[in-house]
C-alpha atoms as a PDB file:
ATOM      1  CA  UNK A   1     -13.778   9.471  -2.339  1.00  0.00           C
ATOM      2  CA  UNK A   2     -10.932  11.254  -1.933  1.00  0.00           C
ATOM      3  CA  UNK A   3      -7.619  10.855  -4.113  1.00  0.00           C
ATOM      4  CA  UNK A   4      -4.314  12.694  -4.285  1.00  0.00           C
ATOM      5  CA  UNK A   5      -3.202  13.650  -7.652  1.00  0.00           C
ATOM      6  CA  UNK A   6       0.124  14.880  -8.948  1.00  0.00           C
ATOM      7  CA  UNK A   7      -1.200  17.134 -11.280  1.00  0.00           C
ATOM      8  CA  UNK A   8       2.220  18.804 -12.448  1.00  0.00           C
ATOM      9  CA  UNK A   9       5.950  18.693 -11.116  1.00  0.00           C
ATOM     10  CA  UNK A  10       5.802  19.566  -7.550  1.00  0.00           C
ATOM     11  CA  UNK A  11       2.043  19.923  -7.255  1.00  0.00           C
ATOM     12  CA  UNK A  12      -0.177  17.506  -5.320  1.00  0.00           C
ATOM     13  CA  UNK A  13      -3.953  18.210  -5.034  1.00  0.00           C
ATOM     14  CA  UNK A  14      -7.153  16.437  -3.229  1.00  0.00           C
ATOM     15  CA  UNK A  15      -9.735  15.335  -5.437  1.00  0.00           C
ATOM     16  CA  UNK A  16     -12.813  13.498  -5.615  1.00  0.00           C
ATOM     17  CA  UNK A  17     -14.070  10.546  -7.509  1.00  0.00           C
ATOM     18  CA  UNK A  18     -16.164   7.677  -7.071  1.00  0.00           C
ATOM     19  CA  UNK A  19     -15.546   4.401  -5.415  1.00  0.00           C
ATOM     20  CA  UNK A  20     -14.432   2.130  -7.886  1.00  0.00           C
ATOM     21  CA  UNK A  21     -15.948  -1.152  -8.432  1.00  0.00           C
ATOM     22  CA  UNK A  22     -14.519  -4.789  -8.130  1.00  0.00           C
ATOM     23  CA  UNK A  23     -14.722  -7.778 -10.142  1.00  0.00           C
ATOM     24  CA  UNK A  24     -15.095 -11.569  -8.707  1.00  0.00           C
ATOM     25  CA  UNK A  25     -11.071 -11.738  -8.622  1.00  0.00           C
ATOM     26  CA  UNK A  26     -10.613  -8.514  -6.916  1.00  0.00           C
ATOM     27  CA  UNK A  27     -10.510  -7.022  -3.261  1.00  0.00           C
ATOM     28  CA  UNK A  28     -11.781  -3.406  -2.496  1.00  0.00           C
ATOM     29  CA  UNK A  29      -9.549  -2.022  -0.037  1.00  0.00           C
ATOM     30  CA  UNK A  30      -9.536   0.947   2.397  1.00  0.00           C
ATOM     31  CA  UNK A  31      -6.097   2.395   2.595  1.00  0.00           C
ATOM     32  CA  UNK A  32      -4.575   2.763   6.046  1.00  0.00           C
ATOM     33  CA  UNK A  33      -1.301   3.962   5.490  1.00  0.00           C
ATOM     34  CA  UNK A  34       1.231   4.974   2.545  1.00  0.00           C
ATOM     35  CA  UNK A  35       4.933   4.889   2.620  1.00  0.00           C
ATOM     36  CA  UNK A  36       6.862   7.432   0.639  1.00  0.00           C
ATOM     37  CA  UNK A  37       9.748   6.149  -1.588  1.00  0.00           C
ATOM     38  CA  UNK A  38      12.512   7.529  -3.226  1.00  0.00           C
ATOM     39  CA  UNK A  39      10.739   6.469  -6.555  1.00  0.00           C
ATOM     40  CA  UNK A  40       7.535   8.614  -5.356  1.00  0.00           C
ATOM     41  CA  UNK A  41       9.655  11.680  -4.859  1.00  0.00           C
ATOM     42  CA  UNK A  42      11.135  11.138  -8.358  1.00  0.00           C
ATOM     43  CA  UNK A  43       7.276  11.402  -9.484  1.00  0.00           C
ATOM     44  CA  UNK A  44       6.575  14.224  -7.368  1.00  0.00           C
ATOM     45  CA  UNK A  45       9.505  16.273  -9.264  1.00  0.00           C
ATOM     46  CA  UNK A  46       8.943  15.126 -12.279  1.00  0.00           C
ATOM     47  CA  UNK A  47      12.015  13.434 -12.927  1.00  0.00           C
ATOM     48  CA  UNK A  48      10.969   9.623 -13.204  1.00  0.00           C
ATOM     49  CA  UNK A  49      11.162   8.724 -16.886  1.00  0.00           C
ATOM     50  CA  UNK A  50       8.570   6.309 -16.834  1.00  0.00           C
ATOM     51  CA  UNK A  51       5.836   8.236 -15.559  1.00  0.00           C
ATOM     52  CA  UNK A  52       3.228  11.140 -16.953  1.00  0.00           C
ATOM     53  CA  UNK A  53       1.144  13.661 -15.486  1.00  0.00           C
ATOM     54  CA  UNK A  54      -1.376  13.537 -14.159  1.00  0.00           C
ATOM     55  CA  UNK A  55      -0.863  10.463 -11.807  1.00  0.00           C
ATOM     56  CA  UNK A  56      -2.566   9.239  -8.412  1.00  0.00           C
ATOM     57  CA  UNK A  57       0.932   8.432  -6.613  1.00  0.00           C
ATOM     58  CA  UNK A  58       2.439   5.851  -4.061  1.00  0.00           C
ATOM     59  CA  UNK A  59       3.044   2.022  -4.142  1.00  0.00           C
ATOM     60  CA  UNK A  60       4.118   1.415  -0.543  1.00  0.00           C
ATOM     61  CA  UNK A  61       0.935   0.615   1.608  1.00  0.00           C
ATOM     62  CA  UNK A  62      -1.124  -1.215   4.000  1.00  0.00           C
ATOM     63  CA  UNK A  63      -4.991  -1.530   3.920  1.00  0.00           C
ATOM     64  CA  UNK A  64      -8.238  -2.874   5.350  1.00  0.00           C
ATOM     65  CA  UNK A  65     -10.184  -5.129   3.332  1.00  0.00           C
ATOM     66  CA  UNK A  66     -13.661  -3.773   2.873  1.00  0.00           C
ATOM     67  CA  UNK A  67     -15.165  -6.375   0.245  1.00  0.00           C
ATOM     68  CA  UNK A  68     -13.733  -9.237  -1.768  1.00  0.00           C
ATOM     69  CA  UNK A  69     -15.190 -10.825  -5.148  1.00  0.00           C
ATOM     70  CA  UNK A  70     -16.737 -14.175  -5.301  1.00  0.00           C
ATOM     71  CA  UNK A  71     -13.478 -15.807  -6.214  1.00  0.00           C
ATOM     72  CA  UNK A  72     -11.287 -14.542  -3.524  1.00  0.00           C
ATOM     73  CA  UNK A  73     -10.963 -16.913  -0.623  1.00  0.00           C
ATOM     74  CA  UNK A  74      -7.498 -16.149   1.158  1.00  0.00           C
ATOM     75  CA  UNK A  75      -8.727 -12.592   2.619  1.00  0.00           C
ATOM     76  CA  UNK A  76     -11.893 -11.430   4.200  1.00  0.00           C
ATOM     77  CA  UNK A  77     -13.887  -7.868   5.017  1.00  0.00           C
ATOM     78  CA  UNK A  78     -12.006  -6.317   8.021  1.00  0.00           C
ATOM     79  CA  UNK A  79      -8.523  -8.040   7.483  1.00  0.00           C
ATOM     80  CA  UNK A  80      -5.377  -5.750   7.362  1.00  0.00           C
ATOM     81  CA  UNK A  81      -3.361  -6.361   4.362  1.00  0.00           C
ATOM     82  CA  UNK A  82      -0.049  -5.497   2.618  1.00  0.00           C
ATOM     83  CA  UNK A  83      -0.136  -4.572  -1.254  1.00  0.00           C
ATOM     84  CA  UNK A  84       2.658  -5.860  -3.671  1.00  0.00           C
ATOM     85  CA  UNK A  85       2.507  -2.823  -5.850  1.00  0.00           C
ATOM     86  CA  UNK A  86       4.611  -4.518  -9.204  1.00  0.00           C
ATOM     87  CA  UNK A  87       1.720  -5.530 -11.549  1.00  0.00           C
ATOM     88  CA  UNK A  88       2.926  -8.451 -13.894  1.00  0.00           C
ATOM     89  CA  UNK A  89       1.196  -9.422 -17.262  1.00  0.00           C
ATOM     90  CA  UNK A  90       1.736 -13.262 -16.638  1.00  0.00           C
ATOM     91  CA  UNK A  91       2.423 -14.239 -20.202  1.00  0.00           C
ATOM     92  CA  UNK A  92       5.655 -12.455 -21.469  1.00  0.00           C
ATOM     93  CA  UNK A  93       9.254 -14.480 -21.248  1.00  0.00           C
ATOM     94  CA  UNK A  94      10.331 -12.999 -17.690  1.00  0.00           C
ATOM     95  CA  UNK A  95       6.821 -13.804 -15.998  1.00  0.00           C
ATOM     96  CA  UNK A  96       6.867 -17.336 -17.526  1.00  0.00           C
ATOM     97  CA  UNK A  97      10.430 -18.050 -16.079  1.00  0.00           C
ATOM     98  CA  UNK A  98      10.006 -16.910 -12.579  1.00  0.00           C
ATOM     99  CA  UNK A  99      11.109 -13.058 -13.114  1.00  0.00           C
ATOM    100  CA  UNK A 100       7.843 -11.386 -12.598  1.00  0.00           C
ATOM    101  CA  UNK A 101       9.638  -8.275 -11.366  1.00  0.00           C
ATOM    102  CA  UNK A 102      11.162  -8.189 -14.886  1.00  0.00           C
ATOM    103  CA  UNK A 103       8.302  -8.331 -16.786  1.00  0.00           C
ATOM    104  CA  UNK A 104       7.904  -6.864 -20.277  1.00  0.00           C
ATOM    105  CA  UNK A 105       4.852  -4.990 -19.551  1.00  0.00           C
ATOM    106  CA  UNK A 106       6.122  -4.037 -15.774  1.00  0.00           C
ATOM    107  CA  UNK A 107       3.639  -1.863 -13.945  1.00  0.00           C
ATOM    108  CA  UNK A 108       4.399  -0.338 -10.486  1.00  0.00           C
ATOM    109  CA  UNK A 109       1.549   1.326  -9.127  1.00  0.00           C
ATOM    110  CA  UNK A 110       1.906   5.037  -8.562  1.00  0.00           C
ATOM    111  CA  UNK A 111       4.255   5.330 -11.825  1.00  0.00           C
ATOM    112  CA  UNK A 112       3.069   3.478 -14.751  1.00  0.00           C
ATOM    113  CA  UNK A 113      -0.588   3.322 -13.432  1.00  0.00           C
ATOM    114  CA  UNK A 114      -2.420   4.973 -10.439  1.00  0.00           C
ATOM    115  CA  UNK A 115      -1.078   3.998  -7.042  1.00  0.00           C
ATOM    116  CA  UNK A 116      -2.263   3.928  -3.935  1.00  0.00           C
ATOM    117  CA  UNK A 117      -2.726   7.895  -3.165  1.00  0.00           C
ATOM    118  CA  UNK A 118      -6.863   7.481  -2.701  1.00  0.00           C
ATOM    119  CA  UNK A 119      -8.936   6.386   0.191  1.00  0.00           C
ATOM    120  CA  UNK A 120     -10.103   3.358  -1.494  1.00  0.00           C
ATOM    121  CA  UNK A 121      -8.213   0.845  -3.731  1.00  0.00           C
ATOM    122  CA  UNK A 122      -9.102  -2.392  -6.214  1.00  0.00           C
ATOM    123  CA  UNK A 123      -6.637  -4.791  -6.942  1.00  0.00           C
ATOM    124  CA  UNK A 124      -6.558  -8.453  -8.206  1.00  0.00           C
ATOM    125  CA  UNK A 125      -6.257 -10.981  -5.243  1.00  0.00           C
ATOM    126  CA  UNK A 126      -2.668 -12.050  -5.807  1.00  0.00           C
ATOM    127  CA  UNK A 127      -1.436  -8.473  -4.452  1.00  0.00           C
ATOM    128  CA  UNK A 128      -2.765  -8.785  -1.344  1.00  0.00           C
ATOM    129  CA  UNK A 129      -1.401 -10.465   1.533  1.00  0.00           C
ATOM    130  CA  UNK A 130      -2.864 -10.654   5.081  1.00  0.00           C
ATOM    131  CA  UNK A 131      -0.936  -9.262   8.069  1.00  0.00           C
ATOM    132  CA  UNK A 132      -1.830 -10.626  11.386  1.00  0.00           C
ATOM    133  CA  UNK A 133      -3.114  -7.788  14.018  1.00  0.00           C
ATOM    134  CA  UNK A 134      -0.093  -8.711  16.103  1.00  0.00           C
ATOM    135  CA  UNK A 135       1.984  -6.815  13.251  1.00  0.00           C
ATOM    136  CA  UNK A 136       2.312  -3.166  14.358  1.00  0.00           C
ATOM    137  CA  UNK A 137       0.917  -0.773  11.314  1.00  0.00           C
ATOM    138  CA  UNK A 138       4.193   0.965  11.350  1.00  0.00           C
ATOM    139  CA  UNK A 139       6.237  -2.675  10.635  1.00  0.00           C
ATOM    140  CA  UNK A 140       3.533  -3.435   8.249  1.00  0.00           C
ATOM    141  CA  UNK A 141       3.843  -0.490   6.118  1.00  0.00           C
ATOM    142  CA  UNK A 142       7.513  -1.431   5.706  1.00  0.00           C
ATOM    143  CA  UNK A 143       7.119  -4.698   4.343  1.00  0.00           C
ATOM    144  CA  UNK A 144       7.443  -3.347   0.580  1.00  0.00           C
ATOM    145  CA  UNK A 145      10.898  -1.484   0.819  1.00  0.00           C
ATOM    146  CA  UNK A 146      12.033  -4.605   2.926  1.00  0.00           C
ATOM    147  CA  UNK A 147      11.243  -6.902   0.162  1.00  0.00           C
ATOM    148  CA  UNK A 148      13.552  -4.902  -2.324  1.00  0.00           C
ATOM    149  CA  UNK A 149      16.329  -5.675   0.114  1.00  0.00           C
ATOM    150  CA  UNK A 150      15.234  -9.468   0.179  1.00  0.00           C
ATOM    151  CA  UNK A 151      15.630  -9.596  -3.284  1.00  0.00           C
ATOM    152  CA  UNK A 152      18.866  -7.711  -3.495  1.00  0.00           C
ATOM    153  CA  UNK A 153      20.654 -10.173  -1.118  1.00  0.00           C
ATOM    154  CA  UNK A 154      19.072 -12.948  -3.195  1.00  0.00           C
ATOM    155  CA  UNK A 155      20.446 -11.470  -6.238  1.00  0.00           C
ATOM    156  CA  UNK A 156      23.907 -11.252  -4.936  1.00  0.00           C
ATOM    157  CA  UNK A 157      23.975 -14.873  -3.205  1.00  0.00           C
ATOM    158  CA  UNK A 158      25.210 -13.334  -0.106  1.00  0.00           C
ATOM    159  CA  UNK A 159      25.376 -16.506   2.169  1.00  0.00           C
ATOM    160  CA  UNK A 160      28.846 -17.037   3.525  1.00  0.00           C
ATOM    161  CA  UNK A 161      30.370 -13.802   1.779  1.00  0.00           C
ATOM    162  CA  UNK A 162      31.686 -10.677   3.035  1.00  0.00           C
ATOM    163  CA  UNK A 163      29.108  -7.768   1.759  1.00  0.00           C
ATOM    164  CA  UNK A 164      29.402  -4.217   1.315  1.00  0.00           C
ATOM    165  CA  UNK A 165      26.076  -2.098   1.275  1.00  0.00           C
ATOM    166  CA  UNK A 166      26.697   1.557  -0.189  1.00  0.00           C
ATOM    167  CA  UNK A 167      23.885   3.699   1.327  1.00  0.00           C
ATOM    168  CA  UNK A 168      22.114   3.382   4.738  1.00  0.00           C
ATOM    169  CA  UNK A 169      18.688   4.718   3.789  1.00  0.00           C
ATOM    170  CA  UNK A 170      15.648   2.666   4.143  1.00  0.00           C
ATOM    171  CA  UNK A 171      16.584   0.385   1.345  1.00  0.00           C
ATOM    172  CA  UNK A 172      19.984   0.272   2.428  1.00  0.00           C
ATOM    173  CA  UNK A 173      19.594  -0.593   6.013  1.00  0.00           C
ATOM    174  CA  UNK A 174      16.793  -3.228   5.196  1.00  0.00           C
ATOM    175  CA  UNK A 175      19.087  -4.904   2.298  1.00  0.00           C
ATOM    176  CA  UNK A 176      22.091  -5.166   5.054  1.00  0.00           C
ATOM    177  CA  UNK A 177      19.353  -6.456   7.310  1.00  0.00           C
ATOM    178  CA  UNK A 178      18.289  -9.002   4.737  1.00  0.00           C
ATOM    179  CA  UNK A 179      22.220 -10.126   3.774  1.00  0.00           C
ATOM    180  CA  UNK A 180      22.376 -11.010   7.605  1.00  0.00           C
ATOM    181  CA  UNK A 181      19.194 -12.791   8.122  1.00  0.00           C
ATOM    182  CA  UNK A 182      20.070 -14.697   4.514  1.00  0.00           C
ATOM    183  CA  UNK A 183      23.405 -15.798   5.882  1.00  0.00           C
ATOM    184  CA  UNK A 184      26.109 -13.380   4.920  1.00  0.00           C
ATOM    185  CA  UNK A 185      29.187 -14.106   6.633  1.00  0.00           C
ATOM    186  CA  UNK A 186      29.896 -10.089   7.483  1.00  0.00           C
ATOM    187  CA  UNK A 187      28.096  -7.297   6.558  1.00  0.00           C
ATOM    188  CA  UNK A 188      29.273  -3.322   6.361  1.00  0.00           C
ATOM    189  CA  UNK A 189      27.246  -0.557   5.430  1.00  0.00           C
ATOM    190  CA  UNK A 190      28.427   3.099   4.807  1.00  0.00           C
ATOM    191  CA  UNK A 191      26.519   6.306   4.061  1.00  0.00           C
ATOM    192  CA  UNK A 192      27.472  10.232   3.818  1.00  0.00           C
ATOM    193  CA  UNK A 193      24.884  10.841   6.785  1.00  0.00           C
ATOM    194  CA  UNK A 194      25.821  10.236  10.477  1.00  0.00           C
ATOM    195  CA  UNK A 195      22.139   9.773  11.355  1.00  0.00           C
ATOM    196  CA  UNK A 196      21.810   6.863   9.107  1.00  0.00           C
ATOM    197  CA  UNK A 197      24.940   5.499  10.309  1.00  0.00           C
ATOM    198  CA  UNK A 198      23.781   5.756  13.669  1.00  0.00           C
ATOM    199  CA  UNK A 199      20.251   4.138  12.838  1.00  0.00           C
ATOM    200  CA  UNK A 200      22.420   0.926  10.939  1.00  0.00           C
ATOM    201  CA  UNK A 201      24.006   0.498  14.547  1.00  0.00           C
ATOM    202  CA  UNK A 202      21.034   0.135  16.273  1.00  0.00           C
ATOM    203  CA  UNK A 203      19.529  -2.029  13.578  1.00  0.00           C
ATOM    204  CA  UNK A 204      22.435  -4.724  14.455  1.00  0.00           C
ATOM    205  CA  UNK A 205      24.346  -4.283  11.578  1.00  0.00           C
ATOM    206  CA  UNK A 206      27.644  -5.645  12.136  1.00  0.00           C
ATOM    207  CA  UNK A 207      29.998  -2.922  10.418  1.00  0.00           C
ATOM    208  CA  UNK A 208      28.702   0.571   9.983  1.00  0.00           C
ATOM    209  CA  UNK A 209      30.937   3.486   8.876  1.00  0.00           C
ATOM    210  CA  UNK A 210      30.577   7.268   7.638  1.00  0.00           C
ATOM    211  CA  UNK A 211      32.191   7.621   4.200  1.00  0.00           C
ATOM    212  CA  UNK A 212      31.716  11.589   3.886  1.00  0.00           C
ATOM    213  CA  UNK A 213      34.753  12.793   2.027  1.00  0.00           C
ATOM    214  CA  UNK A 214      36.298   9.580   1.767  1.00  0.00           C
ATOM    215  CA  UNK A 215      36.598   7.105  -1.216  1.00  0.00           C
ATOM    216  CA  UNK A 216      34.727   3.711  -1.071  1.00  0.00           C
ATOM    217  CA  UNK A 217      38.174   1.623  -1.373  1.00  0.00           C
ATOM    218  CA  UNK A 218      39.542   3.221   1.707  1.00  0.00           C
ATOM    219  CA  UNK A 219      36.243   2.522   3.966  1.00  0.00           C
ATOM    220  CA  UNK A 220      36.192  -0.934   2.637  1.00  0.00           C
ATOM    221  CA  UNK A 221      39.667  -1.969   3.577  1.00  0.00           C
ATOM    222  CA  UNK A 222      39.311  -0.083   6.749  1.00  0.00           C
ATOM    223  CA  UNK A 223      36.624  -2.821   7.738  1.00  0.00           C
ATOM    224  CA  UNK A 224      37.629  -6.153   5.897  1.00  0.00           C
ATOM    225  CA  UNK A 225      41.387  -5.253   5.041  1.00  0.00           C
ATOM    226  CA  UNK A 226      40.444  -6.334   1.701  1.00  0.00           C
ATOM    227  CA  UNK A 227      37.765  -5.926  -0.993  1.00  0.00           C
ATOM    228  CA  UNK A 228      34.100  -7.358  -0.462  1.00  0.00           C
ATOM    229  CA  UNK A 229      32.891 -10.496  -2.255  1.00  0.00           C
ATOM    230  CA  UNK A 230      29.451  -8.797  -2.916  1.00  0.00           C
ATOM    231  CA  UNK A 231      28.562  -4.906  -3.272  1.00  0.00           C
ATOM    232  CA  UNK A 232      25.256  -3.862  -3.288  1.00  0.00           C
ATOM    233  CA  UNK A 233      24.631  -0.105  -4.604  1.00  0.00           C
ATOM    234  CA  UNK A 234      21.516   1.479  -2.651  1.00  0.00           C
ATOM    235  CA  UNK A 235      22.270   4.933  -3.636  1.00  0.00           C
ATOM    236  CA  UNK A 236      22.522   5.130  -7.643  1.00  0.00           C
ATOM    237  CA  UNK A 237      24.718   7.885  -7.801  1.00  0.00           C
ATOM    238  CA  UNK A 238      26.733   8.928 -10.742  1.00  0.00           C
ATOM    239  CA  UNK A 239      30.095   9.561  -8.813  1.00  0.00           C
ATOM    240  CA  UNK A 240      29.448   5.725  -7.101  1.00  0.00           C
ATOM    241  CA  UNK A 241      29.710   3.360  -9.786  1.00  0.00           C
ATOM    242  CA  UNK A 242      33.600   3.935 -10.899  1.00  0.00           C
ATOM    243  CA  UNK A 243      34.419   4.107  -7.375  1.00  0.00           C
ATOM    244  CA  UNK A 244      32.833   0.406  -7.059  1.00  0.00           C
ATOM    245  CA  UNK A 245      34.461  -0.818  -9.776  1.00  0.00           C
ATOM    246  CA  UNK A 246      37.634   0.074  -8.671  1.00  0.00           C
ATOM    247  CA  UNK A 247      36.938  -1.394  -5.074  1.00  0.00           C
ATOM    248  CA  UNK A 248      35.723  -4.602  -6.245  1.00  0.00           C
ATOM    249  CA  UNK A 249      38.108  -7.351  -6.599  1.00  0.00           C
ATOM    250  CA  UNK A 250      38.425 -10.395  -9.278  1.00  0.00           C
ATOM    251  CA  UNK A 251      35.159 -11.953  -9.479  1.00  0.00           C
ATOM    252  CA  UNK A 252      33.383  -9.705  -6.998  1.00  0.00           C
ATOM    253  CA  UNK A 253      29.396  -9.567  -7.478  1.00  0.00           C
ATOM    254  CA  UNK A 254      28.199  -5.948  -7.887  1.00  0.00           C
ATOM    255  CA  UNK A 255      24.290  -5.622  -7.586  1.00  0.00           C
ATOM    256  CA  UNK A 256      22.835  -2.173  -8.690  1.00  0.00           C
ATOM    257  CA  UNK A 257      19.635  -1.150  -6.755  1.00  0.00           C
ATOM    258  CA  UNK A 258      19.876   2.285  -6.797  1.00  0.00           C
ATOM    259  CA  UNK A 259      17.562   4.135  -9.249  1.00  0.00           C
ATOM    260  CA  UNK A 260      20.242   6.038 -12.046  1.00  0.00           C
ATOM    261  CA  UNK A 261      18.281   9.146 -13.301  1.00  0.00           C
ATOM    262  CA  UNK A 262      21.224   9.420 -15.970  1.00  0.00           C
ATOM    263  CA  UNK A 263      23.814   7.366 -17.878  1.00  0.00           C
ATOM    264  CA  UNK A 264      27.220   6.552 -16.352  1.00  0.00           C
ATOM    265  CA  UNK A 265      30.414   6.351 -18.230  1.00  0.00           C
ATOM    266  CA  UNK A 266      32.185   3.375 -16.850  1.00  0.00           C
ATOM    267  CA  UNK A 267      35.487   1.535 -17.821  1.00  0.00           C
ATOM    268  CA  UNK A 268      34.171  -2.102 -19.297  1.00  0.00           C
ATOM    269  CA  UNK A 269      37.827  -3.359 -19.862  1.00  0.00           C
ATOM    270  CA  UNK A 270      37.725  -3.289 -15.702  1.00  0.00           C
ATOM    271  CA  UNK A 271      34.867  -5.352 -15.805  1.00  0.00           C
ATOM    272  CA  UNK A 272      36.097  -7.857 -18.431  1.00  0.00           C
ATOM    273  CA  UNK A 273      39.829  -8.261 -16.765  1.00  0.00           C
ATOM    274  CA  UNK A 274      38.408  -8.800 -13.190  1.00  0.00           C
ATOM    275  CA  UNK A 275      35.504 -10.950 -14.279  1.00  0.00           C
ATOM    276  CA  UNK A 276      33.259  -8.912 -12.372  1.00  0.00           C
ATOM    277  CA  UNK A 277      29.587  -9.910 -12.092  1.00  0.00           C
ATOM    278  CA  UNK A 278      27.176  -6.959 -12.677  1.00  0.00           C
ATOM    279  CA  UNK A 279      23.532  -7.646 -11.871  1.00  0.00           C
ATOM    280  CA  UNK A 280      20.726  -5.339 -12.313  1.00  0.00           C
ATOM    281  CA  UNK A 281      18.238  -5.493  -9.543  1.00  0.00           C
ATOM    282  CA  UNK A 282      14.498  -4.407  -9.873  1.00  0.00           C
ATOM    283  CA  UNK A 283      11.974  -4.687  -7.030  1.00  0.00           C
ATOM    284  CA  UNK A 284      11.051  -8.401  -6.065  1.00  0.00           C
ATOM    285  CA  UNK A 285       9.389 -11.647  -7.190  1.00  0.00           C
ATOM    286  CA  UNK A 286       6.231 -12.500  -5.056  1.00  0.00           C
ATOM    287  CA  UNK A 287       8.313 -15.340  -3.300  1.00  0.00           C
ATOM    288  CA  UNK A 288      10.466 -12.662  -2.317  1.00  0.00           C
ATOM    289  CA  UNK A 289       7.648 -10.546  -0.925  1.00  0.00           C
ATOM    290  CA  UNK A 290       6.139 -13.320   0.763  1.00  0.00           C
ATOM    291  CA  UNK A 291       9.459 -13.688   2.439  1.00  0.00           C
ATOM    292  CA  UNK A 292       9.523 -10.230   3.473  1.00  0.00           C
ATOM    293  CA  UNK A 293       6.188 -10.423   5.022  1.00  0.00           C
ATOM    294  CA  UNK A 294       6.909 -13.755   6.998  1.00  0.00           C
ATOM    295  CA  UNK A 295      10.446 -12.114   8.300  1.00  0.00           C
ATOM    296  CA  UNK A 296       8.570  -8.935   9.035  1.00  0.00           C
ATOM    297  CA  UNK A 297       5.897 -10.414  10.954  1.00  0.00           C
ATOM    298  CA  UNK A 298       8.315 -13.091  12.991  1.00  0.00           C
ATOM    299  CA  UNK A 299       9.645  -9.730  14.580  1.00  0.00           C
ATOM    300  CA  UNK A 300      13.130 -10.655  13.196  1.00  0.00           C
ATOM    301  CA  UNK A 301      13.742  -7.446  11.379  1.00  0.00           C
ATOM    302  CA  UNK A 302      14.356  -3.795  13.245  1.00  0.00           C
ATOM    303  CA  UNK A 303      12.164  -1.034  12.366  1.00  0.00           C
ATOM    304  CA  UNK A 304      12.001   1.243  15.646  1.00  0.00           C
ATOM    305  CA  UNK A 305      12.779   4.614  14.576  1.00  0.00           C
ATOM    306  CA  UNK A 306      12.368   4.020  10.805  1.00  0.00           C
ATOM    307  CA  UNK A 307       9.304   6.518  10.502  1.00  0.00           C
ATOM    308  CA  UNK A 308      10.755   9.893  10.351  1.00  0.00           C
ATOM    309  CA  UNK A 309       7.315  11.648  10.212  1.00  0.00           C
ATOM    310  CA  UNK A 310       3.666  11.331   9.849  1.00  0.00           C
ATOM    311  CA  UNK A 311       1.074  13.391   7.671  1.00  0.00           C
ATOM    312  CA  UNK A 312      -2.726  13.128   7.456  1.00  0.00           C
ATOM    313  CA  UNK A 313      -3.958  12.366   4.043  1.00  0.00           C
ATOM    314  CA  UNK A 314      -4.974  15.898   3.380  1.00  0.00           C
ATOM    315  CA  UNK A 315      -1.840  17.203   3.786  1.00  0.00           C
ATOM    316  CA  UNK A 316      -0.013  15.562   0.844  1.00  0.00           C
ATOM    317  CA  UNK A 317       1.455  18.592  -0.842  1.00  0.00           C
ATOM    318  CA  UNK A 318       2.934  19.468   2.479  1.00  0.00           C
ATOM    319  CA  UNK A 319       4.097  15.800   3.121  1.00  0.00           C
ATOM    320  CA  UNK A 320       5.807  15.629  -0.548  1.00  0.00           C
ATOM    321  CA  UNK A 321       7.414  19.107   0.038  1.00  0.00           C
ATOM    322  CA  UNK A 322       8.892  17.722   3.538  1.00  0.00           C
ATOM    323  CA  UNK A 323      10.072  14.759   1.776  1.00  0.00           C
ATOM    324  CA  UNK A 324      11.675  16.044  -1.077  1.00  0.00           C
ATOM    325  CA  UNK A 325      13.901  18.731   1.047  1.00  0.00           C
ATOM    326  CA  UNK A 326      14.506  16.292   3.932  1.00  0.00           C
ATOM    327  CA  UNK A 327      15.278  13.088   1.595  1.00  0.00           C
ATOM    328  CA  UNK A 328      18.922  13.423   2.831  1.00  0.00           C
ATOM    329  CA  UNK A 329      18.151  12.548   6.427  1.00  0.00           C
ATOM    330  CA  UNK A 330      14.660  10.855   6.502  1.00  0.00           C
ATOM    331  CA  UNK A 331      14.418   7.409   6.500  1.00  0.00           C
ATOM    332  CA  UNK A 332      10.550   6.702   5.965  1.00  0.00           C
ATOM    333  CA  UNK A 333       8.042   9.625   5.906  1.00  0.00           C
ATOM    334  CA  UNK A 334       4.471   8.082   5.995  1.00  0.00           C
ATOM    335  CA  UNK A 335       0.937   9.105   5.309  1.00  0.00           C
ATOM    336  CA  UNK A 336      -2.233   8.084   7.337  1.00  0.00           C
ATOM    337  CA  UNK A 337      -5.547   8.119   6.432  1.00  0.00           C
ATOM    338  CA  UNK A 338      -8.048   7.397   9.540  1.00  0.00           C
ATOM    339  CA  UNK A 339     -11.201   9.331   8.357  1.00  0.00           C
ATOM    340  CA  UNK A 340     -14.691   7.528   7.581  1.00  0.00           C
ATOM    341  CA  UNK A 341     -14.640   7.864   4.014  1.00  0.00           C
END
């Protein structure tokens, strides 16, 4: 079979390898579509602190079941599935207390271990979720990033709250949609990109505003006339966090979803005096992922136009270059494999 390997920064190549074997509790999958995430772009550029070259990339994907082990009963050969790519140990403190997403042995496919960038992939049964044929592939491939939004909304306890989501890319848009679906009183999203703001409007997000050349406090007061109850940072830019702390009111909850690639100097006294609630946020739990599957399959999530471009499997290098260069305007780039293998 073929696999994609990031051999060094900015270099992807196709290599040949054997189809993997599988155990009784595992599933052999044939990958159909892969979504390119901001994390994948970081890995490709060699800017992710948790990975080492060479690595088989990618963690967002859907596949067809080829074969199942003797102990697998919830899926069968021919089923379409979505993969939950956060592998947990099941034995550490976090796992034993329902926070497997914060596992002490955290393993994201395509970062800490080889990912879905191969024609065939083997994974333990608990990480595959069946998807009905009524759910189009272009929607199913977006379940994983939507699960990130579900977890962020739950971390922020958004029900009946005024929410500001910073960033209207795929994660920001899905986070805002998740907040609305989970009962937030009001949801606003801001972004520098007019195209992403237009997408947010089409997605049904109530308040969408361009923040280009403006400070967050002015943007938010234009919408709400006051500070939000919950601020969800889906950008992770060094200049953003100090603005968030300036914007936040007494007891505001701040959820940090965007990946910060460098340390940020902040005024801790502001956090203390205003009794702010700062929540780290990493991926999702198994329960969050199932909720994302259910909502996507139900048709309640807006996805039209989310896929900015598609590339065939053999053009991984061109795809990653495109994803890197256009990351400011793309929503989601997808890699497809439709060959016989």
